[in-house]
């Protein structure tokens, strides 16, 4: 009986205990095991990675998106438009994460998915290298004049 009373008093004084609070802070209130894709604040500024995310958002039809509230309004708006186009739910999470290496955007599930690789640059490295090759491909004058690639 006294253990229950102590638990009740602790809950009243310190709030409801949470599981892995550091992990939840790092992953915008969710757990690592529920994350499909993670994009840092710095990566959100790279147009190439945004295009890759736009391409793959529809692969996760059961997912929702968490956006760090400390990301600039222009970036938030840009990514929210992409998420809405993919018809996914999103939430802007108020957090104290402001460092460029912290989570800026997460594509998450309601259940554990246990993805081995969640960083967008690592997960879609093939897409990044292909887009780099396409950018570096030089088009001839006549090809650019007569073909709309």
Protein backbone atom coordinates (compact mmCIF):
# COMPACT_ATOMS: atom_id res chain seq x y z
CA UNK A 1 0.00 0.00 0.00
CA UNK A 2 2.79 2.45 0.81
CA UNK A 3 4.45 1.82 -2.58
CA UNK A 4 1.27 2.92 -4.33
CA UNK A 5 1.06 6.06 -2.20
CA UNK A 6 4.72 6.87 -2.94
CA UNK A 7 4.14 6.36 -6.69
CA UNK A 8 1.13 8.66 -6.54
CA UNK A 9 3.08 11.34 -4.66
CA UNK A 10 6.03 11.07 -7.09
CA UNK A 11 3.70 11.39 -10.06
CA UNK A 12 2.16 14.49 -8.51
CA UNK A 13 5.52 16.09 -7.75
CA UNK A 14 7.53 15.12 -10.85
CA UNK A 15 4.91 14.35 -13.47
CA UNK A 16 4.27 11.12 -15.28
CA UNK A 17 7.50 9.20 -15.79
CA UNK A 18 8.48 8.71 -19.43
CA UNK A 19 10.41 5.95 -21.12
CA UNK A 20 13.73 7.03 -22.71
CA UNK A 21 13.19 10.81 -22.42
CA UNK A 22 16.53 11.61 -24.14
CA UNK A 23 15.61 9.46 -27.14
CA UNK A 24 12.17 11.05 -27.32
CA UNK A 25 13.71 14.53 -27.21
CA UNK A 26 16.14 13.65 -30.02
CA UNK A 27 13.39 12.16 -32.19
CA UNK A 28 10.80 14.92 -31.69
CA UNK A 29 8.70 13.07 -29.13
CA UNK A 30 8.77 9.59 -30.65
CA UNK A 31 11.10 6.61 -30.45
CA UNK A 32 13.94 5.68 -32.84
CA UNK A 33 12.25 2.37 -33.63
CA UNK A 34 9.30 4.18 -35.23
CA UNK A 35 11.34 6.33 -37.66
CA UNK A 36 11.45 5.60 -41.40
CA UNK A 37 13.45 8.68 -42.47
CA UNK A 38 15.35 11.34 -40.53
CA UNK A 39 16.51 14.64 -42.01
CA UNK A 40 18.68 17.02 -40.00
CA UNK A 41 18.07 20.76 -40.05
CA UNK A 42 21.19 21.18 -42.21
CA UNK A 43 20.01 18.54 -44.69
CA UNK A 44 16.63 20.26 -44.99
CA UNK A 45 18.41 23.19 -46.66
CA UNK A 46 19.70 20.98 -49.50
CA UNK A 47 17.39 21.04 -52.50
CA UNK A 48 18.70 17.69 -53.78
CA UNK A 49 17.64 15.92 -50.58
CA UNK A 50 14.25 17.63 -50.64
CA UNK A 51 13.62 16.27 -54.14
CA UNK A 52 14.58 12.78 -52.98
CA UNK A 53 12.20 13.06 -50.03
CA UNK A 54 9.42 14.25 -52.36
CA UNK A 55 10.01 11.17 -54.51
CA UNK A 56 9.90 8.72 -51.60
CA UNK A 57 7.19 10.21 -49.37
CA UNK A 58 4.52 8.24 -51.19
CA UNK A 59 6.34 5.00 -50.29
CA UNK A 60 5.15 5.50 -46.70
CA UNK A 61 1.39 5.88 -47.05
CA UNK A 62 0.76 4.83 -43.43
CA UNK A 63 3.30 7.30 -42.01
CA UNK A 64 3.05 10.78 -40.58
CA UNK A 65 5.65 13.55 -40.56
CA UNK A 66 7.09 15.43 -37.59
CA UNK A 67 8.70 18.81 -38.31
CA UNK A 68 10.94 20.62 -35.83
CA UNK A 69 9.28 23.93 -34.89
CA UNK A 70 12.67 25.69 -34.78
CA UNK A 71 13.20 25.27 -38.52
CA UNK A 72 12.74 28.52 -40.43
CA UNK A 73 9.22 29.32 -41.63
CA UNK A 74 10.21 29.17 -45.31
CA UNK A 75 11.64 25.66 -44.92
CA UNK A 76 8.64 24.55 -42.89
CA UNK A 77 6.26 25.84 -45.55
CA UNK A 78 8.18 24.15 -48.34
CA UNK A 79 8.20 20.77 -46.59
CA UNK A 80 4.58 21.07 -45.44
CA UNK A 81 3.55 21.56 -49.07
CA UNK A 82 5.44 18.41 -50.05
CA UNK A 83 3.84 16.43 -47.23
CA UNK A 84 0.38 17.66 -48.15
CA UNK A 85 0.97 16.75 -51.80
CA UNK A 86 1.84 13.20 -50.65
CA UNK A 87 -1.39 13.24 -48.56
CA UNK A 88 0.36 12.48 -45.27
CA UNK A 89 -0.44 13.84 -41.83
CA UNK A 90 2.09 16.18 -40.26
CA UNK A 91 2.76 17.84 -36.93
CA UNK A 92 5.03 20.78 -36.17
CA UNK A 93 6.70 19.90 -32.86
CA UNK A 94 7.74 22.65 -30.46
CA UNK A 95 11.18 21.66 -29.21
CA UNK A 96 14.46 23.09 -28.00
CA UNK A 97 16.48 21.35 -30.75
CA UNK A 98 18.17 24.10 -32.79
CA UNK A 99 21.56 22.65 -33.72
CA UNK A 100 22.01 21.92 -37.46
CA UNK A 101 22.82 18.29 -36.67
CA UNK A 102 19.55 17.73 -34.79
CA UNK A 103 16.37 16.29 -36.26
CA UNK A 104 14.57 18.70 -38.53
CA UNK A 105 12.04 16.33 -40.08
CA UNK A 106 11.05 12.74 -39.37
CA UNK A 107 8.84 10.35 -41.32
CA UNK A 108 7.40 8.11 -38.62
CA UNK A 109 4.99 5.25 -38.03
CA UNK A 110 2.57 4.67 -35.17
CA UNK A 111 4.20 1.30 -34.56
CA UNK A 112 7.77 0.03 -34.42
CA UNK A 113 9.32 -0.43 -37.89
CA UNK A 114 12.96 -0.88 -36.82
CA UNK A 115 14.61 0.53 -39.94
CA UNK A 116 18.38 -0.08 -39.93
CA UNK A 117 19.20 3.14 -41.77
CA UNK A 118 17.09 6.23 -41.21
CA UNK A 119 19.36 9.09 -42.35
CA UNK A 120 18.10 10.23 -45.75
CA UNK A 121 21.59 10.68 -47.23
CA UNK A 122 22.57 7.12 -46.31
CA UNK A 123 19.23 5.48 -47.06
CA UNK A 124 18.93 6.91 -50.56
CA UNK A 125 22.63 7.16 -51.45
CA UNK A 126 21.94 5.56 -54.87
CA UNK A 127 19.40 8.27 -55.69
CA UNK A 128 21.86 10.97 -54.68
CA UNK A 129 24.64 9.55 -56.86
CA UNK A 130 22.27 9.18 -59.82
CA UNK A 131 21.08 12.77 -59.52
CA UNK A 132 24.70 13.93 -59.31
CA UNK A 133 25.53 12.03 -62.50
CA UNK A 134 22.51 13.52 -64.25
CA UNK A 135 23.55 17.01 -63.18
CA UNK A 136 27.08 16.45 -64.44
CA UNK A 137 25.94 15.08 -67.79
CA UNK A 138 26.72 17.75 -70.36
CA UNK A 139 24.13 18.28 -73.05
CA UNK A 140 25.09 19.34 -76.53
CA UNK A 141 23.83 22.55 -78.08
CA UNK A 142 21.57 20.83 -80.61
CA UNK A 143 20.15 18.46 -78.01
CA UNK A 144 19.25 21.29 -75.66
CA UNK A 145 17.77 23.24 -78.56
CA UNK A 146 15.50 20.48 -79.91
CA UNK A 147 14.77 18.29 -76.86
CA UNK A 148 12.91 19.27 -73.71
CA UNK A 149 14.65 17.01 -71.15
